Amino acid sequence: MLESHLKNGDFFDVENHPMSRFVSISVDPIPGAAQGTPNYMIHGLLQLKGVEKPLAFPAQIGASLKADGAEVALANFDFDRTQWNVLYGSGRFYENLGKHLVSDLVTLDLKIVAR
């Protein structure tokens, strides 16, 4: 039921927008990053629900993460879904939602493998 609701027009409107895309523009080192913590900022453009906006997030990239000769990046971050016109249940756009209030933040856990 939840998955179906997230796919419908209230949220991500998968029928009309079956694909989302992130295009990386730059990957910049984070000066002084401690070992085992995010050491790069990945900057790019996220297209979601027909809206394209800049998005940047910290990631951990390094030799200890390599798999089968591939470069691996790990990231965990939040982004504000309302910036991409996903407004359902947002307290910034609707009043008196009570128990129907939905957080504006979407959390992503990413593992990016580059070969």
PDB file of N, CA and C in Angstrom:
ATOM      1  N   MET A   1       0.828  -1.190   0.000  1.00  0.00           N
ATOM      2  CA  MET A   1       0.000   0.000   0.000  1.00  0.00           C
ATOM      3  C   MET A   1       0.875   1.258   0.000  1.00  0.00           C
ATOM      4  N   LEU A   2       1.919   1.274   0.853  1.00  0.00           N
ATOM      5  CA  LEU A   2       2.820   2.427   0.907  1.00  0.00           C
ATOM      6  C   LEU A   2       3.520   2.616  -0.430  1.00  0.00           C
ATOM      7  N   GLU A   3       4.060   1.548  -0.976  1.00  0.00           N
ATOM      8  CA  GLU A   3       4.774   1.651  -2.256  1.00  0.00           C
ATOM      9  C   GLU A   3       3.852   2.191  -3.348  1.00  0.00           C
ATOM     10  N   SER A   4       2.630   1.706  -3.385  1.00  0.00           N
ATOM     11  CA  SER A   4       1.660   2.174  -4.370  1.00  0.00           C
ATOM     12  C   SER A   4       1.382   3.671  -4.207  1.00  0.00           C
ATOM     13  N   HIS A   5       1.244   4.116  -2.959  1.00  0.00           N
ATOM     14  CA  HIS A   5       0.995   5.535  -2.704  1.00  0.00           C
ATOM     15  C   HIS A   5       2.194   6.385  -3.112  1.00  0.00           C
ATOM     16  N   LEU A   6       3.404   5.932  -2.828  1.00  0.00           N
ATOM     17  CA  LEU A   6       4.598   6.682  -3.204  1.00  0.00           C
ATOM     18  C   LEU A   6       4.743   6.782  -4.721  1.00  0.00           C
ATOM     19  N   LYS A   7       4.261   5.786  -5.456  1.00  0.00           N
ATOM     20  CA  LYS A   7       4.353   5.792  -6.916  1.00  0.00           C
ATOM     21  C   LYS A   7       3.276   6.647  -7.578  1.00  0.00           C
ATOM     22  N   ASN A   8       2.172   6.948  -6.864  1.00  0.00           N
ATOM     23  CA  ASN A   8       1.078   7.676  -7.519  1.00  0.00           C
ATOM     24  C   ASN A   8       1.352   9.180  -7.584  1.00  0.00           C
ATOM     25  N   GLY A   9       0.410   9.919  -8.131  1.00  0.00           N
ATOM     26  CA  GLY A   9       0.563  11.359  -8.351  1.00  0.00           C
ATOM     27  C   GLY A   9       0.743  12.180  -7.099  1.00  0.00           C
ATOM     28  N   ASP A  10       0.335  11.668  -5.929  1.00  0.00           N
ATOM     29  CA  ASP A  10       0.542  12.402  -4.680  1.00  0.00           C
ATOM     30  C   ASP A  10       2.029  12.609  -4.400  1.00  0.00           C
ATOM     31  N   PHE A  11       2.840  11.632  -4.775  1.00  0.00           N
ATOM     32  CA  PHE A  11       4.269  11.698  -4.481  1.00  0.00           C
ATOM     33  C   PHE A  11       5.086  11.776  -5.764  1.00  0.00           C
ATOM     34  N   PHE A  12       5.559  10.656  -6.272  1.00  0.00           N
ATOM     35  CA  PHE A  12       6.544  10.666  -7.348  1.00  0.00           C
ATOM     36  C   PHE A  12       5.971  10.472  -8.745  1.00  0.00           C
ATOM     37  N   ASP A  13       4.673  10.220  -8.872  1.00  0.00           N
ATOM     38  CA  ASP A  13       3.982  10.167 -10.162  1.00  0.00           C
ATOM     39  C   ASP A  13       4.744   9.320 -11.186  1.00  0.00           C
ATOM     40  N   VAL A  14       5.010   8.072 -10.823  1.00  0.00           N
ATOM     41  CA  VAL A  14       5.829   7.174 -11.622  1.00  0.00           C
ATOM     42  C   VAL A  14       5.233   6.907 -12.999  1.00  0.00           C
ATOM     43  N   GLU A  15       3.925   6.911 -13.116  1.00  0.00           N
ATOM     44  CA  GLU A  15       3.304   6.668 -14.420  1.00  0.00           C
ATOM     45  C   GLU A  15       3.731   7.734 -15.435  1.00  0.00           C
ATOM     46  N   ASN A  16       3.757   9.007 -15.012  1.00  0.00           N
ATOM     47  CA  ASN A  16       4.142  10.100 -15.908  1.00  0.00           C
ATOM     48  C   ASN A  16       5.640  10.405 -15.879  1.00  0.00           C
ATOM     49  N   HIS A  17       6.326   9.969 -14.836  1.00  0.00           N
ATOM     50  CA  HIS A  17       7.763  10.233 -14.687  1.00  0.00           C
ATOM     51  C   HIS A  17       8.464   8.950 -14.230  1.00  0.00           C
ATOM     52  N   PRO A  18       8.571   7.954 -15.138  1.00  0.00           N
ATOM     53  CA  PRO A  18       9.122   6.659 -14.735  1.00  0.00           C
ATOM     54  C   PRO A  18      10.621   6.665 -14.439  1.00  0.00           C
ATOM     55  N   MET A  19      11.333   7.697 -14.881  1.00  0.00           N
ATOM     56  CA  MET A  19      12.778   7.763 -14.684  1.00  0.00           C
ATOM     57  C   MET A  19      13.154   9.049 -13.946  1.00  0.00           C
ATOM     58  N   SER A  20      14.121   8.910 -13.073  1.00  0.00           N
ATOM     59  CA  SER A  20      14.785  10.054 -12.455  1.00  0.00           C
ATOM     60  C   SER A  20      16.238   9.960 -12.855  1.00  0.00           C
ATOM     61  N   ARG A  21      16.951  11.081 -12.757  1.00  0.00           N
ATOM     62  CA  ARG A  21      18.338  11.065 -13.221  1.00  0.00           C
ATOM     63  C   ARG A  21      19.173  12.000 -12.361  1.00  0.00           C
ATOM     64  N   PHE A  22      20.382  11.558 -12.042  1.00  0.00           N
ATOM     65  CA  PHE A  22      21.361  12.416 -11.394  1.00  0.00           C
ATOM     66  C   PHE A  22      22.586  12.461 -12.297  1.00  0.00           C
ATOM     67  N   VAL A  23      23.009  13.670 -12.647  1.00  0.00           N
ATOM     68  CA  VAL A  23      24.197  13.864 -13.466  1.00  0.00           C
ATOM     69  C   VAL A  23      25.234  14.564 -12.603  1.00  0.00           C
ATOM     70  N   SER A  24      26.372  13.895 -12.400  1.00  0.00           N
ATOM     71  CA  SER A  24      27.444  14.458 -11.599  1.00  0.00           C
ATOM     72  C   SER A  24      28.166  15.537 -12.393  1.00  0.00           C
ATOM     73  N   ILE A  25      28.390  16.676 -11.756  1.00  0.00           N
ATOM     74  CA  ILE A  25      29.103  17.787 -12.378  1.00  0.00           C
ATOM     75  C   ILE A  25      30.534  17.852 -11.869  1.00  0.00           C
ATOM     76  N   SER A  26      30.707  17.634 -10.564  1.00  0.00           N
ATOM     77  CA  SER A  26      32.057  17.641 -10.000  1.00  0.00           C
ATOM     78  C   SER A  26      32.099  16.781  -8.743  1.00  0.00           C
ATOM     79  N   VAL A  27      33.297  16.313  -8.442  1.00  0.00           N
ATOM     80  CA  VAL A  27      33.565  15.550  -7.231  1.00  0.00           C
ATOM     81  C   VAL A  27      34.786  16.205  -6.598  1.00  0.00           C
ATOM     82  N   ASP A  28      34.574  16.877  -5.463  1.00  0.00           N
ATOM     83  CA  ASP A  28      35.616  17.692  -4.855  1.00  0.00           C
ATOM     84  C   ASP A  28      36.012  17.146  -3.490  1.00  0.00           C
ATOM     85  N   PRO A  29      37.337  17.056  -3.219  1.00  0.00           N
ATOM     86  CA  PRO A  29      37.785  16.582  -1.911  1.00  0.00           C
ATOM     87  C   PRO A  29      37.319  17.504  -0.789  1.00  0.00           C
ATOM     88  N   ILE A  30      37.024  16.912   0.361  1.00  0.00           N
ATOM     89  CA  ILE A  30      36.699  17.681   1.562  1.00  0.00           C
ATOM     90  C   ILE A  30      37.994  17.803   2.361  1.00  0.00           C
ATOM     91  N   PRO A  31      38.550  19.012   2.466  1.00  0.00           N
ATOM     92  CA  PRO A  31      39.819  19.185   3.179  1.00  0.00           C
ATOM     93  C   PRO A  31      39.713  18.727   4.636  1.00  0.00           C
ATOM     94  N   GLY A  32      40.722  17.975   5.087  1.00  0.00           N
ATOM     95  CA  GLY A  32      40.791  17.561   6.484  1.00  0.00           C
ATOM     96  C   GLY A  32      39.816  16.479   6.899  1.00  0.00           C
ATOM     97  N   ALA A  33      39.196  15.798   5.936  1.00  0.00           N
ATOM     98  CA  ALA A  33      38.228  14.734   6.279  1.00  0.00           C
ATOM     99  C   ALA A  33      38.952  13.602   7.007  1.00  0.00           C
ATOM    100  N   ALA A  34      38.368  13.127   8.083  1.00  0.00           N
ATOM    101  CA  ALA A  34      38.937  12.021   8.849  1.00  0.00           C
ATOM    102  C   ALA A  34      38.706  10.703   8.108  1.00  0.00           C
ATOM    103  N   GLN A  35      39.638   9.772   8.279  1.00  0.00           N
ATOM    104  CA  GLN A  35      39.506   8.459   7.652  1.00  0.00           C
ATOM    105  C   GLN A  35      38.204   7.793   8.098  1.00  0.00           C
ATOM    106  N   GLY A  36      37.500   7.197   7.141  1.00  0.00           N
ATOM    107  CA  GLY A  36      36.250   6.509   7.447  1.00  0.00           C
ATOM    108  C   GLY A  36      35.035   7.416   7.450  1.00  0.00           C
ATOM    109  N   THR A  37      35.217   8.699   7.117  1.00  0.00           N
ATOM    110  CA  THR A  37      34.099   9.642   7.035  1.00  0.00           C
ATOM    111  C   THR A  37      34.010  10.157   5.600  1.00  0.00           C
ATOM    112  N   PRO A  38      32.915  10.824   5.245  1.00  0.00           N
ATOM    113  CA  PRO A  38      32.841  11.381   3.889  1.00  0.00           C
ATOM    114  C   PRO A  38      34.051  12.276   3.608  1.00  0.00           C
ATOM    115  N   ASN A  39      34.697  12.026   2.467  1.00  0.00           N
ATOM    116  CA  ASN A  39      35.893  12.768   2.107  1.00  0.00           C
ATOM    117  C   ASN A  39      35.778  13.510   0.773  1.00  0.00           C
ATOM    118  N   TYR A  40      34.612  13.433   0.156  1.00  0.00           N
ATOM    119  CA  TYR A  40      34.356  14.161  -1.089  1.00  0.00           C
ATOM    120  C   TYR A  40      32.945  14.723  -1.073  1.00  0.00           C
ATOM    121  N   MET A  41      32.755  15.846  -1.783  1.00  0.00           N
ATOM    122  CA  MET A  41      31.416  16.381  -2.050  1.00  0.00           C
ATOM    123  C   MET A  41      31.115  16.107  -3.517  1.00  0.00           C
ATOM    124  N   ILE A  42      29.987  15.483  -3.755  1.00  0.00           N
ATOM    125  CA  ILE A  42      29.545  15.212  -5.114  1.00  0.00           C
ATOM    126  C   ILE A  42      28.484  16.260  -5.452  1.00  0.00           C
ATOM    127  N   HIS A  43      28.721  16.999  -6.526  1.00  0.00           N
ATOM    128  CA  HIS A  43      27.815  18.055  -6.979  1.00  0.00           C
ATOM    129  C   HIS A  43      27.213  17.635  -8.313  1.00  0.00           C
ATOM    130  N   GLY A  44      25.930  17.876  -8.481  1.00  0.00           N
ATOM    131  CA  GLY A  44      25.310  17.522  -9.746  1.00  0.00           C
ATOM    132  C   GLY A  44      23.907  18.070  -9.870  1.00  0.00           C
ATOM    133  N   LEU A  45      23.190  17.526 -10.834  1.00  0.00           N
ATOM    134  CA  LEU A  45      21.808  17.914 -11.096  1.00  0.00           C
ATOM    135  C   LEU A  45      20.916  16.688 -10.931  1.00  0.00           C
ATOM    136  N   LEU A  46      19.884  16.821 -10.101  1.00  0.00           N
ATOM    137  CA  LEU A  46      18.906  15.758  -9.909  1.00  0.00           C
ATOM    138  C   LEU A  46      17.638  16.137 -10.655  1.00  0.00           C
ATOM    139  N   GLN A  47      17.208  15.248 -11.546  1.00  0.00           N
ATOM    140  CA  GLN A  47      15.931  15.417 -12.227  1.00  0.00           C
ATOM    141  C   GLN A  47      14.968  14.422 -11.607  1.00  0.00           C
ATOM    142  N   LEU A  48      13.890  14.947 -11.052  1.00  0.00           N
ATOM    143  CA  LEU A  48      12.901  14.142 -10.356  1.00  0.00           C
ATOM    144  C   LEU A  48      11.533  14.727 -10.645  1.00  0.00           C
ATOM    145  N   LYS A  49      10.634  13.926 -11.105  1.00  0.00           N
ATOM    146  CA  LYS A  49       9.266  14.355 -11.384  1.00  0.00           C
ATOM    147  C   LYS A  49       9.241  15.531 -12.369  1.00  0.00           C
ATOM    148  N   GLY A  50      10.160  15.494 -13.338  1.00  0.00           N
ATOM    149  CA  GLY A  50      10.213  16.523 -14.374  1.00  0.00           C
ATOM    150  C   GLY A  50      10.881  17.818 -13.951  1.00  0.00           C
ATOM    151  N   VAL A  51      11.388  17.885 -12.738  1.00  0.00           N
ATOM    152  CA  VAL A  51      12.060  19.091 -12.237  1.00  0.00           C
ATOM    153  C   VAL A  51      13.544  18.778 -12.080  1.00  0.00           C
ATOM    154  N   GLU A  52      14.394  19.658 -12.601  1.00  0.00           N
ATOM    155  CA  GLU A  52      15.839  19.476 -12.464  1.00  0.00           C
ATOM    156  C   GLU A  52      16.411  20.599 -11.611  1.00  0.00           C
ATOM    157  N   LYS A  53      17.139  20.211 -10.556  1.00  0.00           N
ATOM    158  CA  LYS A  53      17.733  21.183  -9.628  1.00  0.00           C
ATOM    159  C   LYS A  53      19.095  20.674  -9.181  1.00  0.00           C
ATOM    160  N   PRO A  54      19.957  21.606  -8.766  1.00  0.00           N
ATOM    161  CA  PRO A  54      21.257  21.199  -8.235  1.00  0.00           C
ATOM    162  C   PRO A  54      21.099  20.422  -6.934  1.00  0.00           C
ATOM    163  N   LEU A  55      22.000  19.468  -6.732  1.00  0.00           N
ATOM    164  CA  LEU A  55      22.040  18.691  -5.497  1.00  0.00           C
ATOM    165  C   LEU A  55      23.499  18.359  -5.212  1.00  0.00           C
ATOM    166  N   ALA A  56      23.900  18.540  -3.971  1.00  0.00           N
ATOM    167  CA  ALA A  56      25.250  18.182  -3.541  1.00  0.00           C
ATOM    168  C   ALA A  56      25.139  17.331  -2.288  1.00  0.00           C
ATOM    169  N   PHE A  57      26.051  16.357  -2.171  1.00  0.00           N
ATOM    170  CA  PHE A  57      26.030  15.504  -0.984  1.00  0.00           C
ATOM    171  C   PHE A  57      27.428  14.967  -0.704  1.00  0.00           C
ATOM    172  N   PRO A  58      27.725  14.704   0.572  1.00  0.00           N
ATOM    173  CA  PRO A  58      29.026  14.155   0.939  1.00  0.00           C
ATOM    174  C   PRO A  58      29.057  12.650   0.687  1.00  0.00           C
ATOM    175  N   ALA A  59      30.240  12.165   0.293  1.00  0.00           N
ATOM    176  CA  ALA A  59      30.417  10.736   0.042  1.00  0.00           C
ATOM    177  C   ALA A  59      31.795  10.294   0.513  1.00  0.00           C
ATOM    178  N   GLN A  60      31.882   9.023   0.830  1.00  0.00           N
ATOM    179  CA  GLN A  60      33.166   8.433   1.185  1.00  0.00           C
ATOM    180  C   GLN A  60      33.670   7.665  -0.030  1.00  0.00           C
ATOM    181  N   ILE A  61      34.844   8.050  -0.510  1.00  0.00           N
ATOM    182  CA  ILE A  61      35.457   7.402  -1.665  1.00  0.00           C
ATOM    183  C   ILE A  61      36.886   7.065  -1.268  1.00  0.00           C
ATOM    184  N   GLY A  62      37.324   5.847  -1.568  1.00  0.00           N
ATOM    185  CA  GLY A  62      38.704   5.528  -1.219  1.00  0.00           C
ATOM    186  C   GLY A  62      39.102   4.114  -1.558  1.00  0.00           C
ATOM    187  N   ALA A  63      40.404   3.873  -1.481  1.00  0.00           N
ATOM    188  CA  ALA A  63      40.974   2.580  -1.829  1.00  0.00           C
ATOM    189  C   ALA A  63      40.382   1.450  -0.997  1.00  0.00           C
ATOM    190  N   SER A  64      40.036   1.721   0.260  1.00  0.00           N
ATOM    191  CA  SER A  64      39.494   0.664   1.119  1.00  0.00           C
ATOM    192  C   SER A  64      38.107   0.210   0.674  1.00  0.00           C
ATOM    193  N   LEU A  65      37.470   0.987  -0.188  1.00  0.00           N
ATOM    194  CA  LEU A  65      36.127   0.640  -0.645  1.00  0.00           C
ATOM    195  C   LEU A  65      36.118  -0.028  -2.016  1.00  0.00           C
ATOM    196  N   LYS A  66      37.275  -0.106  -2.683  1.00  0.00           N
ATOM    197  CA  LYS A  66      37.311  -0.669  -4.035  1.00  0.00           C
ATOM    198  C   LYS A  66      36.845  -2.115  -4.046  1.00  0.00           C
ATOM    199  N   ALA A  67      36.114  -2.461  -5.098  1.00  0.00           N
ATOM    200  CA  ALA A  67      35.604  -3.832  -5.264  1.00  0.00           C
ATOM    201  C   ALA A  67      35.877  -4.280  -6.690  1.00  0.00           C
ATOM    202  N   ASP A  68      36.631  -5.377  -6.856  1.00  0.00           N
ATOM    203  CA  ASP A  68      36.920  -5.920  -8.190  1.00  0.00           C
ATOM    204  C   ASP A  68      37.500  -4.874  -9.130  1.00  0.00           C
ATOM    205  N   GLY A  69      38.356  -4.001  -8.607  1.00  0.00           N
ATOM    206  CA  GLY A  69      38.983  -2.973  -9.431  1.00  0.00           C
ATOM    207  C   GLY A  69      38.108  -1.765  -9.698  1.00  0.00           C
ATOM    208  N   ALA A  70      36.892  -1.769  -9.215  1.00  0.00           N
ATOM    209  CA  ALA A  70      35.983  -0.639  -9.430  1.00  0.00           C
ATOM    210  C   ALA A  70      36.116   0.362  -8.290  1.00  0.00           C
ATOM    211  N   GLU A  71      35.898   1.611  -8.595  1.00  0.00           N
ATOM    212  CA  GLU A  71      35.871   2.654  -7.574  1.00  0.00           C
ATOM    213  C   GLU A  71      34.482   2.652  -6.945  1.00  0.00           C
ATOM    214  N   VAL A  72      34.435   2.780  -5.626  1.00  0.00           N
ATOM    215  CA  VAL A  72      33.162   2.733  -4.910  1.00  0.00           C
ATOM    216  C   VAL A  72      33.008   3.998  -4.078  1.00  0.00           C
ATOM    217  N   ALA A  73      31.809   4.553  -4.078  1.00  0.00           N
ATOM    218  CA  ALA A  73      31.478   5.703  -3.235  1.00  0.00           C
ATOM    219  C   ALA A  73      30.262   5.333  -2.392  1.00  0.00           C
ATOM    220  N   LEU A  74      30.304   5.687  -1.122  1.00  0.00           N
ATOM    221  CA  LEU A  74      29.178   5.471  -0.208  1.00  0.00           C
ATOM    222  C   LEU A  74      28.670   6.821   0.262  1.00  0.00           C
ATOM    223  N   ALA A  75      27.366   6.981   0.308  1.00  0.00           N
ATOM    224  CA  ALA A  75      26.793   8.247   0.750  1.00  0.00           C
ATOM    225  C   ALA A  75      25.477   8.001   1.475  1.00  0.00           C
ATOM    226  N   ASN A  76      25.208   8.832   2.445  1.00  0.00           N
ATOM    227  CA  ASN A  76      23.940   8.844   3.177  1.00  0.00           C
ATOM    228  C   ASN A  76      23.600  10.305   3.390  1.00  0.00           C
ATOM    229  N   PHE A  77      22.455  10.751   2.863  1.00  0.00           N
ATOM    230  CA  PHE A  77      22.104  12.157   2.976  1.00  0.00           C
ATOM    231  C   PHE A  77      20.594  12.338   2.832  1.00  0.00           C
ATOM    232  N   ASP A  78      20.137  13.504   3.211  1.00  0.00           N
ATOM    233  CA  ASP A  78      18.731  13.886   3.071  1.00  0.00           C
ATOM    234  C   ASP A  78      18.615  14.962   1.993  1.00  0.00           C
ATOM    235  N   PHE A  79      17.487  14.969   1.300  1.00  0.00           N
ATOM    236  CA  PHE A  79      17.172  16.107   0.429  1.00  0.00           C
ATOM    237  C   PHE A  79      15.706  16.457   0.613  1.00  0.00           C
ATOM    238  N   ASP A  80      15.377  17.706   0.325  1.00  0.00           N
ATOM    239  CA  ASP A  80      14.033  18.238   0.516  1.00  0.00           C
ATOM    240  C   ASP A  80      13.188  17.950  -0.723  1.00  0.00           C
ATOM    241  N   ARG A  81      12.266  17.015  -0.615  1.00  0.00           N
ATOM    242  CA  ARG A  81      11.434  16.582  -1.741  1.00  0.00           C
ATOM    243  C   ARG A  81      10.590  17.707  -2.330  1.00  0.00           C
ATOM    244  N   THR A  82      10.243  18.711  -1.504  1.00  0.00           N
ATOM    245  CA  THR A  82       9.389  19.794  -1.993  1.00  0.00           C
ATOM    246  C   THR A  82      10.088  20.638  -3.054  1.00  0.00           C
ATOM    247  N   GLN A  83      11.429  20.604  -3.081  1.00  0.00           N
ATOM    248  CA  GLN A  83      12.173  21.335  -4.107  1.00  0.00           C
ATOM    249  C   GLN A  83      11.953  20.730  -5.492  1.00  0.00           C
ATOM    250  N   TRP A  84      11.458  19.506  -5.529  1.00  0.00           N
ATOM    251  CA  TRP A  84      11.181  18.799  -6.778  1.00  0.00           C
ATOM    252  C   TRP A  84       9.674  18.601  -6.970  1.00  0.00           C
ATOM    253  N   ASN A  85       8.883  19.467  -6.361  1.00  0.00           N
ATOM    254  CA  ASN A  85       7.428  19.480  -6.538  1.00  0.00           C
ATOM    255  C   ASN A  85       6.731  18.228  -6.015  1.00  0.00           C
ATOM    256  N   VAL A  86       7.283  17.633  -4.964  1.00  0.00           N
ATOM    257  CA  VAL A  86       6.631  16.516  -4.281  1.00  0.00           C
ATOM    258  C   VAL A  86       6.095  17.112  -2.973  1.00  0.00           C
ATOM    259  N   LEU A  87       4.845  17.574  -3.009  1.00  0.00           N
ATOM    260  CA  LEU A  87       4.308  18.407  -1.938  1.00  0.00           C
ATOM    261  C   LEU A  87       3.356  17.703  -0.978  1.00  0.00           C
ATOM    262  N   TYR A  88       2.913  16.505  -1.307  1.00  0.00           N
ATOM    263  CA  TYR A  88       1.888  15.823  -0.517  1.00  0.00           C
ATOM    264  C   TYR A  88       2.252  15.787   0.973  1.00  0.00           C
ATOM    265  N   GLY A  89       1.347  16.242   1.808  1.00  0.00           N
ATOM    266  CA  GLY A  89       1.504  16.160   3.256  1.00  0.00           C
ATOM    267  C   GLY A  89       2.551  17.082   3.849  1.00  0.00           C
ATOM    268  N   SER A  90       3.031  18.051   3.085  1.00  0.00           N
ATOM    269  CA  SER A  90       4.053  18.969   3.586  1.00  0.00           C
ATOM    270  C   SER A  90       3.419  20.062   4.443  1.00  0.00           C
ATOM    271  N   GLY A  91       3.930  20.215   5.640  1.00  0.00           N
ATOM    272  CA  GLY A  91       3.428  21.255   6.538  1.00  0.00           C
ATOM    273  C   GLY A  91       3.748  22.663   6.075  1.00  0.00           C
ATOM    274  N   ARG A  92       4.681  22.815   5.142  1.00  0.00           N
ATOM    275  CA  ARG A  92       4.990  24.145   4.597  1.00  0.00           C
ATOM    276  C   ARG A  92       4.001  24.563   3.526  1.00  0.00           C
ATOM    277  N   PHE A  93       3.261  23.604   2.978  1.00  0.00           N
ATOM    278  CA  PHE A  93       2.327  23.918   1.896  1.00  0.00           C
ATOM    279  C   PHE A  93       0.863  23.699   2.266  1.00  0.00           C
ATOM    280  N   TYR A  94       0.622  22.907   3.321  1.00  0.00           N
ATOM    281  CA  TYR A  94      -0.746  22.618   3.734  1.00  0.00           C
ATOM    282  C   TYR A  94      -0.874  22.789   5.241  1.00  0.00           C
ATOM    283  N   GLU A  95      -2.051  23.239   5.674  1.00  0.00           N
ATOM    284  CA  GLU A  95      -2.306  23.454   7.097  1.00  0.00           C
ATOM    285  C   GLU A  95      -3.171  22.333   7.674  1.00  0.00           C
ATOM    286  N   ASN A  96      -3.140  22.219   8.983  1.00  0.00           N
ATOM    287  CA  ASN A  96      -4.012  21.300   9.725  1.00  0.00           C
ATOM    288  C   ASN A  96      -3.915  19.851   9.240  1.00  0.00           C
ATOM    289  N   LEU A  97      -2.715  19.371   9.014  1.00  0.00           N
ATOM    290  CA  LEU A  97      -2.537  18.000   8.530  1.00  0.00           C
ATOM    291  C   LEU A  97      -2.622  16.964   9.644  1.00  0.00           C
ATOM    292  N   GLY A  98      -2.368  17.381  10.875  1.00  0.00           N
ATOM    293  CA  GLY A  98      -2.436  16.447  11.998  1.00  0.00           C
ATOM    294  C   GLY A  98      -1.580  15.226  11.760  1.00  0.00           C
ATOM    295  N   LYS A  99      -2.182  14.044  11.898  1.00  0.00           N
ATOM    296  CA  LYS A  99      -1.438  12.793  11.736  1.00  0.00           C
ATOM    297  C   LYS A  99      -1.060  12.508  10.276  1.00  0.00           C
ATOM    298  N   HIS A 100      -1.510  13.344   9.337  1.00  0.00           N
ATOM    299  CA  HIS A 100      -1.207  13.147   7.922  1.00  0.00           C
ATOM    300  C   HIS A 100       0.016  13.945   7.460  1.00  0.00           C
ATOM    301  N   LEU A 101       0.663  14.635   8.394  1.00  0.00           N
ATOM    302  CA  LEU A 101       1.879  15.381   8.094  1.00  0.00           C
ATOM    303  C   LEU A 101       2.977  14.402   7.674  1.00  0.00           C
ATOM    304  N   VAL A 102       3.664  14.720   6.568  1.00  0.00           N
ATOM    305  CA  VAL A 102       4.745  13.882   6.049  1.00  0.00           C
ATOM    306  C   VAL A 102       6.010  14.720   6.014  1.00  0.00           C
ATOM    307  N   SER A 103       7.113  14.175   6.479  1.00  0.00           N
ATOM    308  CA  SER A 103       8.382  14.894   6.473  1.00  0.00           C
ATOM    309  C   SER A 103       8.752  15.322   5.058  1.00  0.00           C
ATOM    310  N   ASP A 104       9.310  16.501   4.937  1.00  0.00           N
ATOM    311  CA  ASP A 104       9.763  16.990   3.635  1.00  0.00           C
ATOM    312  C   ASP A 104      11.080  16.345   3.220  1.00  0.00           C
ATOM    313  N   LEU A 105      11.781  15.753   4.171  1.00  0.00           N
ATOM    314  CA  LEU A 105      13.090  15.175   3.869  1.00  0.00           C
ATOM    315  C   LEU A 105      12.981  13.726   3.413  1.00  0.00           C
ATOM    316  N   VAL A 106      13.726  13.417   2.361  1.00  0.00           N
ATOM    317  CA  VAL A 106      13.869  12.049   1.871  1.00  0.00           C
ATOM    318  C   VAL A 106      15.313  11.653   2.162  1.00  0.00           C
ATOM    319  N   THR A 107      15.508  10.504   2.787  1.00  0.00           N
ATOM    320  CA  THR A 107      16.850  10.017   3.101  1.00  0.00           C
ATOM    321  C   THR A 107      17.267   8.976   2.073  1.00  0.00           C
ATOM    322  N   LEU A 108      18.469   9.151   1.542  1.00  0.00           N
ATOM    323  CA  LEU A 108      19.013   8.187   0.587  1.00  0.00           C
ATOM    324  C   LEU A 108      20.295   7.576   1.129  1.00  0.00           C
ATOM    325  N   ASP A 109      20.424   6.276   0.962  1.00  0.00           N
ATOM    326  CA  ASP A 109      21.666   5.549   1.197  1.00  0.00           C
ATOM    327  C   ASP A 109      22.116   5.079  -0.181  1.00  0.00           C
ATOM    328  N   LEU A 110      23.292   5.549  -0.613  1.00  0.00           N
ATOM    329  CA  LEU A 110      23.776   5.213  -1.948  1.00  0.00           C
ATOM    330  C   LEU A 110      25.075   4.428  -1.897  1.00  0.00           C
ATOM    331  N   LYS A 111      25.193   3.502  -2.814  1.00  0.00           N
ATOM    332  CA  LYS A 111      26.457   2.853  -3.107  1.00  0.00           C
ATOM    333  C   LYS A 111      26.645   2.989  -4.610  1.00  0.00           C
ATOM    334  N   ILE A 112      27.637   3.768  -4.998  1.00  0.00           N
ATOM    335  CA  ILE A 112      27.905   4.038  -6.400  1.00  0.00           C
ATOM    336  C   ILE A 112      29.149   3.248  -6.781  1.00  0.00           C
ATOM    337  N   VAL A 113      29.058   2.451  -7.848  1.00  0.00           N
ATOM    338  CA  VAL A 113      30.185   1.656  -8.329  1.00  0.00           C
ATOM    339  C   VAL A 113      30.529   2.139  -9.729  1.00  0.00           C
ATOM    340  N   ALA A 114      31.776   2.605  -9.901  1.00  0.00           N
ATOM    341  CA  ALA A 114      32.237   3.093 -11.212  1.00  0.00           C
ATOM    342  C   ALA A 114      33.281   2.126 -11.762  1.00  0.00           C
ATOM    343  N   ARG A 115      33.027   1.611 -12.922  1.00  0.00           N
ATOM    344  CA  ARG A 115      33.959   0.669 -13.562  1.00  0.00           C
ATOM    345  C   ARG A 115      34.625   1.326 -14.754  1.00  0.00           C
TER     346      ARG A 115
END
